[in-house]
C-alpha atoms as a PDB file:
ATOM      1  CA  PRO A   1       0.000   0.000   0.000  1.00  0.00           C
ATOM      2  CA  TYR A   2       0.970   3.612  -0.540  1.00  0.00           C
ATOM      3  CA  SER A   3      -0.569   7.095  -0.415  1.00  0.00           C
ATOM      4  CA  VAL A   4       0.104  10.368  -2.209  1.00  0.00           C
ATOM      5  CA  ASN A   5       0.596  13.853  -0.807  1.00  0.00           C
ATOM      6  CA  SER A   6      -1.667  15.539  -3.358  1.00  0.00           C
ATOM      7  CA  GLN A   7      -4.695  13.643  -4.619  1.00  0.00           C
ATOM      8  CA  LEU A   8      -6.529  13.856  -7.896  1.00  0.00           C
ATOM      9  CA  TRP A   9     -10.108  15.049  -7.359  1.00  0.00           C
ATOM     10  CA  SER A  10     -12.562  12.269  -8.218  1.00  0.00           C
ATOM     11  CA  ASP A  11     -15.950  13.720  -7.269  1.00  0.00           C
ATOM     12  CA  GLY A  12     -15.383  13.185  -3.566  1.00  0.00           C
ATOM     13  CA  ALA A  13     -14.382   9.532  -3.802  1.00  0.00           C
ATOM     14  CA  HIS A  14     -12.026   8.096  -1.187  1.00  0.00           C
ATOM     15  CA  LYS A  15      -9.148   5.958  -2.428  1.00  0.00           C
ATOM     16  CA  THR A  16      -6.713   3.275  -1.392  1.00  0.00           C
ATOM     17  CA  ARG A  17      -3.644   2.490  -3.486  1.00  0.00           C
ATOM     18  CA  PHE A  18      -1.342  -0.502  -3.945  1.00  0.00           C
ATOM     19  CA  LEU A  19       1.598  -1.436  -6.123  1.00  0.00           C
ATOM     20  CA  ALA A  20       2.777  -4.946  -7.033  1.00  0.00           C
ATOM     21  CA  LEU A  21       6.021  -6.066  -8.654  1.00  0.00           C
ATOM     22  CA  PRO A  22       6.647  -9.513 -10.169  1.00  0.00           C
ATOM     23  CA  GLY A  23       8.915 -11.785  -8.123  1.00  0.00           C
ATOM     24  CA  THR A  24      11.944  -9.972  -6.682  1.00  0.00           C
ATOM     25  CA  THR A  25      12.115  -7.259  -9.337  1.00  0.00           C
ATOM     26  CA  GLN A  26      12.860  -3.696  -8.212  1.00  0.00           C
ATOM     27  CA  ILE A  27      12.082  -0.090  -9.071  1.00  0.00           C
ATOM     28  CA  GLU A  28      14.781   2.177 -10.490  1.00  0.00           C
ATOM     29  CA  PHE A  29      14.554   5.096  -8.077  1.00  0.00           C
ATOM     30  CA  SER A  30      14.845   8.729  -9.187  1.00  0.00           C
ATOM     31  CA  PRO A  31      14.648  11.642  -6.718  1.00  0.00           C
ATOM     32  CA  ASP A  32      13.094  14.124  -9.140  1.00  0.00           C
ATOM     33  CA  GLY A  33      12.174  12.100 -12.237  1.00  0.00           C
ATOM     34  CA  ALA A  34       9.872   9.223 -13.065  1.00  0.00           C
ATOM     35  CA  TRP A  35      10.536   5.900 -11.368  1.00  0.00           C
ATOM     36  CA  GLY A  36      11.523   3.010 -13.622  1.00  0.00           C
ATOM     37  CA  PHE A  37       9.100   0.129 -13.096  1.00  0.00           C
ATOM     38  CA  PRO A  38      10.006  -3.446 -14.078  1.00  0.00           C
ATOM     39  CA  ALA A  39       8.092  -5.433 -16.686  1.00  0.00           C
ATOM     40  CA  ASN A  40       4.525  -6.431 -15.775  1.00  0.00           C
ATOM     41  CA  SER A  41       4.263  -4.101 -12.758  1.00  0.00           C
ATOM     42  CA  VAL A  42       0.726  -3.456 -11.534  1.00  0.00           C
ATOM     43  CA  LEU A  43      -0.739  -0.369  -9.843  1.00  0.00           C
ATOM     44  CA  VAL A  44      -4.129  -0.678  -8.130  1.00  0.00           C
ATOM     45  CA  LYS A  45      -6.525   2.021  -6.978  1.00  0.00           C
ATOM     46  CA  ASN A  46      -9.827   1.420  -5.149  1.00  0.00           C
ATOM     47  CA  PHE A  47     -12.578   4.067  -5.144  1.00  0.00           C
ATOM     48  CA  TYR A  48     -15.123   4.409  -2.323  1.00  0.00           C
ATOM     49  CA  LEU A  49     -18.159   6.655  -1.839  1.00  0.00           C
ATOM     50  CA  ASP A  50     -19.806   7.649   1.451  1.00  0.00           C
ATOM     51  CA  THR A  51     -23.530   6.953   1.068  1.00  0.00           C
ATOM     52  CA  ILE A  52     -24.000   9.314   4.016  1.00  0.00           C
ATOM     53  CA  ARG A  53     -21.935  12.442   3.632  1.00  0.00           C
ATOM     54  CA  ASP A  54     -18.740  12.456   5.741  1.00  0.00           C
ATOM     55  CA  ASP A  55     -19.721   9.194   7.455  1.00  0.00           C
ATOM     56  CA  PRO A  56     -16.919   6.613   7.042  1.00  0.00           C
ATOM     57  CA  ASP A  57     -19.206   3.863   8.356  1.00  0.00           C
ATOM     58  CA  SER A  58     -21.394   4.291   5.267  1.00  0.00           C
ATOM     59  CA  ARG A  59     -18.476   3.964   2.866  1.00  0.00           C
ATOM     60  CA  ARG A  60     -18.809   1.430   0.043  1.00  0.00           C
ATOM     61  CA  ILE A  61     -16.462   0.386  -2.714  1.00  0.00           C
ATOM     62  CA  VAL A  62     -17.599   1.272  -6.243  1.00  0.00           C
ATOM     63  CA  GLU A  63     -14.594   0.817  -8.535  1.00  0.00           C
ATOM     64  CA  THR A  64     -11.136  -0.744  -8.793  1.00  0.00           C
ATOM     65  CA  ARG A  65      -8.677   0.361 -11.469  1.00  0.00           C
ATOM     66  CA  PHE A  66      -5.592  -1.497 -12.626  1.00  0.00           C
ATOM     67  CA  LEU A  67      -2.688   0.086 -14.479  1.00  0.00           C
ATOM     68  CA  VAL A  68      -0.515  -2.683 -15.928  1.00  0.00           C
ATOM     69  CA  LYS A  69       2.871  -2.305 -17.602  1.00  0.00           C
ATOM     70  CA  VAL A  70       3.023  -4.283 -20.828  1.00  0.00           C
ATOM     71  CA  GLY A  71       6.166  -6.402 -20.560  1.00  0.00           C
ATOM     72  CA  ASP A  72       9.446  -4.538 -21.082  1.00  0.00           C
ATOM     73  CA  SER A  73       7.782  -1.863 -23.211  1.00  0.00           C
ATOM     74  CA  HIS A  74       6.976   1.697 -22.179  1.00  0.00           C
ATOM     75  CA  GLU A  75       3.256   1.001 -22.583  1.00  0.00           C
ATOM     76  CA  TRP A  76       0.803   0.840 -19.679  1.00  0.00           C
ATOM     77  CA  ARG A  77      -2.805  -0.322 -20.027  1.00  0.00           C
ATOM     78  CA  GLY A  78      -5.708   0.626 -17.802  1.00  0.00           C
ATOM     79  CA  PHE A  79      -8.627  -1.577 -16.716  1.00  0.00           C
ATOM     80  CA  SER A  80     -11.700  -0.599 -14.715  1.00  0.00           C
ATOM     81  CA  TYR A  81     -13.781  -2.959 -12.550  1.00  0.00           C
ATOM     82  CA  ARG A  82     -17.301  -2.069 -11.373  1.00  0.00           C
ATOM     83  CA  TRP A  83     -18.305  -3.467  -7.963  1.00  0.00           C
ATOM     84  CA  ASN A  84     -21.778  -4.823  -7.228  1.00  0.00           C
ATOM     85  CA  GLU A  85     -23.943  -3.146  -4.586  1.00  0.00           C
ATOM     86  CA  ALA A  86     -23.018  -5.698  -1.928  1.00  0.00           C
ATOM     87  CA  GLY A  87     -19.306  -5.082  -2.484  1.00  0.00           C
ATOM     88  CA  THR A  88     -18.633  -8.806  -2.942  1.00  0.00           C
ATOM     89  CA  ASP A  89     -17.500  -8.919  -6.558  1.00  0.00           C
ATOM     90  CA  ALA A  90     -16.416  -6.615  -9.385  1.00  0.00           C
ATOM     91  CA  GLU A  91     -16.692  -7.083 -13.140  1.00  0.00           C
ATOM     92  CA  LEU A  92     -14.308  -5.798 -15.801  1.00  0.00           C
ATOM     93  CA  LEU A  93     -15.922  -3.106 -17.932  1.00  0.00           C
ATOM     94  CA  PRO A  94     -15.340  -3.398 -21.688  1.00  0.00           C
ATOM     95  CA  SER A  95     -16.182   0.288 -22.188  1.00  0.00           C
ATOM     96  CA  GLY A  96     -17.057   3.434 -20.252  1.00  0.00           C
ATOM     97  CA  TRP A  97     -19.968   3.399 -17.824  1.00  0.00           C
ATOM     98  CA  THR A  98     -21.904   5.779 -15.577  1.00  0.00           C
ATOM     99  CA  ASP A  99     -23.798   4.889 -12.401  1.00  0.00           C
ATOM    100  CA  ARG A 100     -25.943   7.203 -10.307  1.00  0.00           C
ATOM    101  CA  TYR A 101     -25.475   7.006  -6.530  1.00  0.00           C
ATOM    102  CA  THR A 102     -27.649   8.703  -3.930  1.00  0.00           C
ATOM    103  CA  ILE A 103     -25.780  10.380  -1.073  1.00  0.00           C
ATOM    104  CA  VAL A 104     -27.633  11.376   2.089  1.00  0.00           C
ATOM    105  CA  ASP A 105     -26.682  15.000   2.810  1.00  0.00           C
ATOM    106  CA  PRO A 106     -28.678  16.910   5.464  1.00  0.00           C
ATOM    107  CA  GLU A 107     -27.379  20.219   4.076  1.00  0.00           C
ATOM    108  CA  ALA A 108     -28.599  19.542   0.527  1.00  0.00           C
ATOM    109  CA  PRO A 109     -32.082  20.438  -0.741  1.00  0.00           C
ATOM    110  CA  GLY A 110     -34.317  17.472  -0.010  1.00  0.00           C
ATOM    111  CA  GLY A 111     -31.648  15.941   2.212  1.00  0.00           C
ATOM    112  CA  GLU A 112     -29.781  14.100  -0.522  1.00  0.00           C
ATOM    113  CA  ILE A 113     -27.624  14.553  -3.591  1.00  0.00           C
ATOM    114  CA  HIS A 114     -27.148  12.408  -6.675  1.00  0.00           C
ATOM    115  CA  VAL A 115     -23.682  11.574  -7.959  1.00  0.00           C
ATOM    116  CA  ASP A 116     -23.260  10.445 -11.558  1.00  0.00           C
ATOM    117  CA  TYR A 117     -20.115   8.395 -11.062  1.00  0.00           C
ATOM    118  CA  ILE A 118     -18.129   7.947 -14.280  1.00  0.00           C
ATOM    119  CA  PHE A 119     -16.180   4.764 -14.986  1.00  0.00           C
ATOM    120  CA  PRO A 120     -13.580   5.610 -17.644  1.00  0.00           C
ATOM    121  CA  ALA A 121     -13.244   3.654 -20.855  1.00  0.00           C
ATOM    122  CA  ARG A 122      -9.903   1.958 -21.443  1.00  0.00           C
ATOM    123  CA  GLU A 123      -8.927   4.500 -24.069  1.00  0.00           C
ATOM    124  CA  ASP A 124      -9.636   7.321 -21.578  1.00  0.00           C
ATOM    125  CA  CYS A 125      -6.648   6.296 -19.442  1.00  0.00           C
ATOM    126  CA  GLY A 126      -4.247   7.607 -22.057  1.00  0.00           C
ATOM    127  CA  ARG A 127      -5.745  11.093 -21.830  1.00  0.00           C
ATOM    128  CA  CYS A 128      -4.163  11.627 -18.417  1.00  0.00           C
ATOM    129  CA  HIS A 129      -1.444   8.969 -18.342  1.00  0.00           C
ATOM    130  CA  THR A 130       0.482  10.485 -21.236  1.00  0.00           C
ATOM    131  CA  PHE A 131       4.072   9.949 -22.322  1.00  0.00           C
ATOM    132  CA  GLY A 132       4.903  13.631 -21.719  1.00  0.00           C
ATOM    133  CA  GLY A 133       3.154  13.866 -18.359  1.00  0.00           C
ATOM    134  CA  GLY A 134       4.269  10.383 -17.352  1.00  0.00           C
ATOM    135  CA  PRO A 135       2.325   7.122 -17.692  1.00  0.00           C
ATOM    136  CA  VAL A 136       2.653   6.690 -13.906  1.00  0.00           C
ATOM    137  CA  LEU A 137       1.353   9.763 -12.056  1.00  0.00           C
ATOM    138  CA  GLY A 138       1.140   8.762  -8.386  1.00  0.00           C
ATOM    139  CA  PRO A 139       4.188   6.711  -7.358  1.00  0.00           C
ATOM    140  CA  ARG A 140       6.992   9.252  -7.601  1.00  0.00           C
ATOM    141  CA  THR A 141       9.292  10.770  -5.015  1.00  0.00           C
ATOM    142  CA  ALA A 142       7.541  14.119  -4.505  1.00  0.00           C
ATOM    143  CA  GLN A 143       4.204  12.372  -3.979  1.00  0.00           C
ATOM    144  CA  LEU A 144       5.421   9.604  -1.642  1.00  0.00           C
ATOM    145  CA  ASN A 145       7.816  11.784   0.357  1.00  0.00           C
ATOM    146  CA  GLY A 146       5.753  11.586   3.538  1.00  0.00           C
ATOM    147  CA  VAL A 147       4.234   9.211   6.072  1.00  0.00           C
ATOM    148  CA  HIS A 148       1.706   6.437   5.491  1.00  0.00           C
ATOM    149  CA  ASP A 149      -0.530   4.571   7.917  1.00  0.00           C
ATOM    150  CA  TYR A 150       0.289   0.865   7.535  1.00  0.00           C
ATOM    151  CA  GLY A 151      -2.643  -0.448   9.542  1.00  0.00           C
ATOM    152  CA  GLY A 152      -1.842   1.533  12.677  1.00  0.00           C
ATOM    153  CA  VAL A 153       1.910   1.811  12.123  1.00  0.00           C
ATOM    154  CA  ILE A 154       2.617   5.312  10.820  1.00  0.00           C
ATOM    155  CA  THR A 155       6.031   5.715   9.240  1.00  0.00           C
ATOM    156  CA  HIS A 156       7.764   7.292   6.259  1.00  0.00           C
ATOM    157  CA  GLN A 157       6.883   5.630   2.967  1.00  0.00           C
ATOM    158  CA  LEU A 158      10.245   6.022   1.260  1.00  0.00           C
ATOM    159  CA  ARG A 159      12.018   4.557   4.293  1.00  0.00           C
ATOM    160  CA  THR A 160       9.613   1.603   4.289  1.00  0.00           C
ATOM    161  CA  LEU A 161       9.968   0.892   0.566  1.00  0.00           C
ATOM    162  CA  ASN A 162      13.735   1.216   0.852  1.00  0.00           C
ATOM    163  CA  HIS A 163      13.824  -1.100   3.883  1.00  0.00           C
ATOM    164  CA  ILE A 164      11.968  -3.923   2.115  1.00  0.00           C
ATOM    165  CA  GLY A 165      14.322  -3.689  -0.875  1.00  0.00           C
ATOM    166  CA  LEU A 166      11.834  -2.294  -3.375  1.00  0.00           C
ATOM    167  CA  PHE A 167      14.412   0.069  -4.893  1.00  0.00           C
ATOM    168  CA  SER A 168      17.374  -0.984  -7.021  1.00  0.00           C
ATOM    169  CA  ARG A 169      19.696   1.089  -4.802  1.00  0.00           C
ATOM    170  CA  ASP A 170      19.828   2.163  -1.171  1.00  0.00           C
ATOM    171  CA  ILE A 171      18.383   5.689  -0.879  1.00  0.00           C
ATOM    172  CA  GLY A 172      19.406   6.120   2.754  1.00  0.00           C
ATOM    173  CA  GLU A 173      17.378   7.549   5.631  1.00  0.00           C
ATOM    174  CA  ASP A 174      17.428  11.323   5.032  1.00  0.00           C
ATOM    175  CA  TYR A 175      14.829  12.554   2.542  1.00  0.00           C
ATOM    176  CA  SER A 176      14.845  16.247   3.449  1.00  0.00           C
ATOM    177  CA  GLY A 177      16.698  17.030   0.235  1.00  0.00           C
ATOM    178  CA  PHE A 178      14.202  15.158  -1.937  1.00  0.00           C
ATOM    179  CA  PRO A 179      11.327  17.037  -3.595  1.00  0.00           C
ATOM    180  CA  ARG A 180       8.004  16.955  -1.789  1.00  0.00           C
ATOM    181  CA  TRP A 181       4.543  18.154  -2.758  1.00  0.00           C
ATOM    182  CA  GLU A 182       2.450  19.687  -0.008  1.00  0.00           C
ATOM    183  CA  ASP A 183      -0.926  18.281   1.040  1.00  0.00           C
ATOM    184  CA  PRO A 184      -3.440  20.822  -0.331  1.00  0.00           C
ATOM    185  CA  GLN A 185      -5.745  20.305   2.667  1.00  0.00           C
ATOM    186  CA  THR A 186      -3.123  20.848   5.384  1.00  0.00           C
ATOM    187  CA  GLU A 187      -3.510  24.426   6.600  1.00  0.00           C
ATOM    188  CA  THR A 188      -0.084  24.464   8.245  1.00  0.00           C
ATOM    189  CA  GLU A 189       1.599  24.125   4.843  1.00  0.00           C
ATOM    190  CA  SER A 190       2.338  27.213   2.717  1.00  0.00           C
ATOM    191  CA  LEU A 191      -0.568  28.548   0.664  1.00  0.00           C
ATOM    192  CA  GLU A 192       1.504  28.743  -2.516  1.00  0.00           C
ATOM    193  CA  GLY A 193       2.888  25.217  -2.091  1.00  0.00           C
ATOM    194  CA  ARG A 194      -0.568  23.762  -1.469  1.00  0.00           C
ATOM    195  CA  ALA A 195      -2.077  25.496  -4.517  1.00  0.00           C
ATOM    196  CA  ARG A 196       0.804  24.538  -6.804  1.00  0.00           C
ATOM    197  CA  SER A 197       0.645  20.961  -5.516  1.00  0.00           C
ATOM    198  CA  TYR A 198      -3.089  20.804  -6.236  1.00  0.00           C
ATOM    199  CA  LEU A 199      -2.611  22.129  -9.769  1.00  0.00           C
ATOM    200  CA  ALA A 200       0.286  19.735 -10.368  1.00  0.00           C
ATOM    201  CA  ALA A 201      -1.786  16.699  -9.399  1.00  0.00           C
ATOM    202  CA  ASN A 202      -5.009  17.747 -11.118  1.00  0.00           C
ATOM    203  CA  CYS A 203      -3.905  19.792 -14.125  1.00  0.00           C
ATOM    204  CA  SER A 204      -0.248  19.304 -15.071  1.00  0.00           C
ATOM    205  CA  PRO A 205      -0.675  15.828 -16.657  1.00  0.00           C
ATOM    206  CA  CYS A 206      -2.221  17.737 -19.584  1.00  0.00           C
ATOM    207  CA  HIS A 207      -0.900  21.259 -19.011  1.00  0.00           C
ATOM    208  CA  HIS A 208       2.830  20.860 -19.583  1.00  0.00           C
ATOM    209  CA  PRO A 209       5.197  21.508 -22.495  1.00  0.00           C
ATOM    210  CA  GLY A 210       4.186  19.219 -25.324  1.00  0.00           C
ATOM    211  CA  GLY A 211       0.811  18.498 -23.742  1.00  0.00           C
ATOM    212  CA  LEU A 212      -2.372  20.166 -24.957  1.00  0.00           C
ATOM    213  CA  ARG A 213      -1.885  22.120 -28.150  1.00  0.00           C
ATOM    214  CA  ARG A 214      -4.868  24.398 -27.587  1.00  0.00           C
ATOM    215  CA  THR A 215      -3.100  26.237 -24.783  1.00  0.00           C
ATOM    216  CA  GLU A 216       0.563  26.386 -23.817  1.00  0.00           C
ATOM    217  CA  ILE A 217       0.361  26.868 -20.047  1.00  0.00           C
ATOM    218  CA  ASP A 218       2.651  24.869 -17.773  1.00  0.00           C
ATOM    219  CA  LEU A 219       1.217  23.884 -14.381  1.00  0.00           C
ATOM    220  CA  ARG A 220       3.966  21.541 -13.247  1.00  0.00           C
ATOM    221  CA  TYR A 221       4.952  22.005  -9.616  1.00  0.00           C
ATOM    222  CA  ASP A 222       8.587  22.999 -10.220  1.00  0.00           C
ATOM    223  CA  THR A 223       7.942  25.478 -13.023  1.00  0.00           C
ATOM    224  CA  PRO A 224       8.611  29.044 -11.759  1.00  0.00           C
ATOM    225  CA  LEU A 225       5.353  30.965 -11.643  1.00  0.00           C
ATOM    226  CA  ALA A 226       6.596  33.565 -14.114  1.00  0.00           C
ATOM    227  CA  GLN A 227       7.254  30.780 -16.638  1.00  0.00           C
ATOM    228  CA  THR A 228       3.858  29.074 -16.382  1.00  0.00           C
ATOM    229  CA  ARG A 229       2.427  31.396 -19.078  1.00  0.00           C
ATOM    230  CA  THR A 230      -0.570  32.104 -16.868  1.00  0.00           C
ATOM    231  CA  ILE A 231       0.141  35.414 -15.084  1.00  0.00           C
ATOM    232  CA  ASP A 232      -1.693  38.269 -16.838  1.00  0.00           C
ATOM    233  CA  VAL A 233      -1.886  36.121 -19.985  1.00  0.00           C
ATOM    234  CA  PRO A 234      -5.244  36.527 -21.772  1.00  0.00           C
ATOM    235  CA  SER A 235      -7.281  33.379 -22.229  1.00  0.00           C
ATOM    236  CA  GLN A 236      -7.118  32.357 -25.869  1.00  0.00           C
ATOM    237  CA  LEU A 237     -10.052  29.967 -25.655  1.00  0.00           C
ATOM    238  CA  ASP A 238     -12.889  31.366 -23.552  1.00  0.00           C
ATOM    239  CA  ASP A 239     -13.306  34.209 -21.045  1.00  0.00           C
ATOM    240  CA  LEU A 240     -16.263  32.402 -19.419  1.00  0.00           C
ATOM    241  CA  GLY A 241     -18.581  35.360 -19.818  1.00  0.00           C
ATOM    242  CA  GLY A 242     -16.018  38.039 -18.957  1.00  0.00           C
ATOM    243  CA  ILE A 243     -14.094  40.489 -21.085  1.00  0.00           C
ATOM    244  CA  ASN A 244     -10.367  39.963 -21.711  1.00  0.00           C
ATOM    245  CA  ARG A 245      -9.925  37.853 -18.604  1.00  0.00           C
ATOM    246  CA  SER A 246      -6.432  36.539 -17.913  1.00  0.00           C
ATOM    247  CA  ILE A 247      -5.723  32.919 -17.016  1.00  0.00           C
ATOM    248  CA  ILE A 248      -4.448  34.209 -13.659  1.00  0.00           C
ATOM    249  CA  SER A 249      -5.061  37.839 -12.680  1.00  0.00           C
ATOM    250  CA  PRO A 250      -2.936  38.365  -9.542  1.00  0.00           C
ATOM    251  CA  GLY A 251      -5.069  39.619  -6.680  1.00  0.00           C
ATOM    252  CA  ASP A 252      -8.319  38.983  -8.539  1.00  0.00           C
ATOM    253  CA  ALA A 253      -9.401  35.341  -8.543  1.00  0.00           C
ATOM    254  CA  ALA A 254     -12.957  36.350  -9.481  1.00  0.00           C
ATOM    255  CA  ASN A 255     -11.629  37.479 -12.873  1.00  0.00           C
ATOM    256  CA  SER A 256      -9.141  34.643 -13.387  1.00  0.00           C
ATOM    257  CA  VAL A 257     -10.057  31.962 -15.918  1.00  0.00           C
ATOM    258  CA  LEU A 258      -8.170  29.183 -14.104  1.00  0.00           C
ATOM    259  CA  PRO A 259     -10.420  28.894 -10.993  1.00  0.00           C
ATOM    260  CA  LEU A 260     -13.526  29.719 -13.040  1.00  0.00           C
ATOM    261  CA  ARG A 261     -12.903  26.650 -15.183  1.00  0.00           C
ATOM    262  CA  MET A 262     -12.544  24.563 -12.026  1.00  0.00           C
ATOM    263  CA  MET A 263     -16.027  25.723 -10.964  1.00  0.00           C
ATOM    264  CA  ALA A 264     -17.716  25.266 -14.360  1.00  0.00           C
ATOM    265  CA  LEU A 265     -19.943  22.248 -15.002  1.00  0.00           C
ATOM    266  CA  ASP A 266     -20.424  22.609 -18.767  1.00  0.00           C
ATOM    267  CA  ASN A 267     -18.034  21.856 -21.620  1.00  0.00           C
ATOM    268  CA  ARG A 268     -15.628  24.499 -20.296  1.00  0.00           C
ATOM    269  CA  ARG A 269     -14.979  22.491 -17.140  1.00  0.00           C
ATOM    270  CA  MET A 270     -11.482  21.556 -16.038  1.00  0.00           C
ATOM    271  CA  PRO A 271     -10.567  18.801 -15.659  1.00  0.00           C
ATOM    272  CA  PRO A 272     -12.933  17.745 -18.447  1.00  0.00           C
ATOM    273  CA  LEU A 273     -12.779  13.992 -17.862  1.00  0.00           C
ATOM    274  CA  ALA A 274     -14.586  11.775 -15.342  1.00  0.00           C
ATOM    275  CA  SER A 275     -15.761  14.603 -13.088  1.00  0.00           C
ATOM    276  CA  GLY A 276     -19.198  16.149 -12.684  1.00  0.00           C
ATOM    277  CA  ILE A 277     -18.934  17.719  -9.219  1.00  0.00           C
ATOM    278  CA  VAL A 278     -17.010  20.869  -8.346  1.00  0.00           C
ATOM    279  CA  ASP A 279     -14.208  20.449  -5.824  1.00  0.00           C
ATOM    280  CA  ALA A 280     -15.276  23.384  -3.670  1.00  0.00           C
ATOM    281  CA  ARG A 281     -12.291  23.127  -1.314  1.00  0.00           C
ATOM    282  CA  GLY A 282      -9.821  22.868  -4.169  1.00  0.00           C
ATOM    283  CA  ALA A 283     -11.333  25.824  -6.026  1.00  0.00           C
ATOM    284  CA  ALA A 284     -11.341  27.891  -2.828  1.00  0.00           C
ATOM    285  CA  LEU A 285      -7.679  27.046  -2.227  1.00  0.00           C
ATOM    286  CA  VAL A 286      -6.607  28.117  -5.721  1.00  0.00           C
ATOM    287  CA  SER A 287      -8.726  31.277  -5.461  1.00  0.00           C
ATOM    288  CA  ARG A 288      -7.167  32.214  -2.113  1.00  0.00           C
ATOM    289  CA  TRP A 289      -3.713  31.762  -3.597  1.00  0.00           C
ATOM    290  CA  ILE A 290      -4.509  33.948  -6.619  1.00  0.00           C
ATOM    291  CA  ASP A 291      -5.995  36.658  -4.409  1.00  0.00           C
ATOM    292  CA  ALA A 292      -2.800  36.590  -2.331  1.00  0.00           C
ATOM    293  CA  LEU A 293      -0.747  37.261  -5.475  1.00  0.00           C
ATOM    294  CA  GLY A 294      -1.943  40.904  -5.476  1.00  0.00           C
ATOM    295  CA  THR A 295       0.169  43.970  -4.805  1.00  0.00           C
ATOM    296  CA  PRO A 296       1.756  43.645  -1.346  1.00  0.00           C
ATOM    297  CA  THR A 297       0.956  46.135   1.395  1.00  0.00           C
ATOM    298  CA  SER A 298       3.461  48.996   1.630  1.00  0.00           C
ATOM    299  CA  VAL A 299       4.132  51.467   4.454  1.00  0.00           C
ATOM    300  CA  ARG A 300       5.414  54.981   3.862  1.00  0.00           C
ATOM    301  CA  GLY A 301       6.767  57.019   6.735  1.00  0.00           C
ATOM    302  CA  ASP A 302       6.781  60.814   7.216  1.00  0.00           C
ATOM    303  CA  ASP A 303       9.510  62.694   9.067  1.00  0.00           C
ATOM    304  CA  ALA A 304       7.156  64.976  10.962  1.00  0.00           C
ATOM    305  CA  ALA A 305       4.800  63.215  13.382  1.00  0.00           C
ATOM    306  CA  PRO A 306       1.270  64.701  13.627  1.00  0.00           C
ATOM    307  CA  ASP A 307      -0.154  65.824  16.945  1.00  0.00           C
ATOM    308  CA  THR A 308      -2.981  63.304  17.214  1.00  0.00           C
ATOM    309  CA  PHE A 309      -4.141  59.974  15.849  1.00  0.00           C
ATOM    310  CA  THR A 310      -6.534  60.273  12.903  1.00  0.00           C
ATOM    311  CA  LEU A 311      -8.226  57.601  10.805  1.00  0.00           C
ATOM    312  CA  ARG A 312      -9.768  58.906   7.593  1.00  0.00           C
ATOM    313  CA  ALA A 313     -12.449  57.311   5.455  1.00  0.00           C
ATOM    314  CA  ILE A 314     -11.211  54.608   3.065  1.00  0.00           C
ATOM    315  CA  TYR A 315     -11.529  55.105  -0.675  1.00  0.00           C
ATOM    316  CA  PRO A 316     -12.853  53.808  -2.921  1.00  0.00           C
ATOM    317  CA  ASN A 317     -15.700  52.360  -0.888  1.00  0.00           C
ATOM    318  CA  PRO A 318     -17.135  49.862  -1.755  1.00  0.00           C
ATOM    319  CA  PHE A 319     -14.066  48.255  -3.316  1.00  0.00           C
ATOM    320  CA  ASN A 320     -13.022  45.002  -4.920  1.00  0.00           C
ATOM    321  CA  ALA A 321      -9.314  44.393  -5.471  1.00  0.00           C
ATOM    322  CA  TRP A 322      -7.820  47.393  -3.647  1.00  0.00           C
ATOM    323  CA  THR A 323      -8.590  50.352  -1.399  1.00  0.00           C
ATOM    324  CA  THR A 324      -6.635  53.112   0.397  1.00  0.00           C
ATOM    325  CA  ILE A 325      -6.601  53.444   4.174  1.00  0.00           C
ATOM    326  CA  ALA A 326      -5.186  56.820   5.297  1.00  0.00           C
ATOM    327  CA  PHE A 327      -4.287  57.437   8.924  1.00  0.00           C
ATOM    328  CA  SER A 328      -2.047  59.605  11.075  1.00  0.00           C
ATOM    329  CA  LEU A 329      -0.147  58.519  14.183  1.00  0.00           C
ATOM    330  CA  GLY A 330       0.525  60.803  17.117  1.00  0.00           C
ATOM    331  CA  GLU A 331       4.078  59.465  17.500  1.00  0.00           C
ATOM    332  CA  ALA A 332       6.779  58.121  15.213  1.00  0.00           C
END
């Protein structure tokens, strides 16, 4: 079993992950690149839905996906299994499928919501697991550089995998110098790191150099922000009802195309595949980060101190992206 620091949004599904290697074969470890998996490696991901919102006791398994490396080639093939309602057996799907699940939600109108869960077709796997983005998206150093709960034993994943001989070389015990993506939902992590980590996991498999030809933005985690081609860059595809909106307008998430696409549910939605529910927490995180990219607060001092404290009216008022607060202090 393994877990990732930054998860792909899958309409609120919970996941467990496993990797399997044939015999005593090993992974060629890379600190900052893709890991080299041996022939016939298998990656497994289980998907669960809470039939009662935020109630783990109501959780049921709905899908299992396999990603299988084809011999010694660079090709990986994906397979999707649909579980029966009792959770006792799953059948391989020959093509894409959609099931509707009812989720009890006291906060929703009528006390429930309906989730149209999308099972991807086999050919859909290649839309995210690309050669440029990497056929294997989860098991990489930046994603596994953290702890995992092994049935009550919580320890560092890389140390565990190294200890059981999964890697072709000893990577030691100190991983502080290895890359690491932040958990987007951990408030103690930096806002920028969490937002970039979220975008890397959810968007960069397509949005990277050589990826989508319709737009040339680069949302990989390590790409400097100024080189992502998003800051103050007009959207070439769709302004989503606005006028000359930029992909990211620093300090103004409400007029930035990037988070607006995350919140769309029509054909302008991002990501466009296998998702029909907005990730409200993810969109809020990215919006907070963009708003924080605005002009920083500055303080200007005067040589002569006024006699008394004075706070003047702010202007403009009301305001959106900026306002001016003028005040005088009775002492330096």
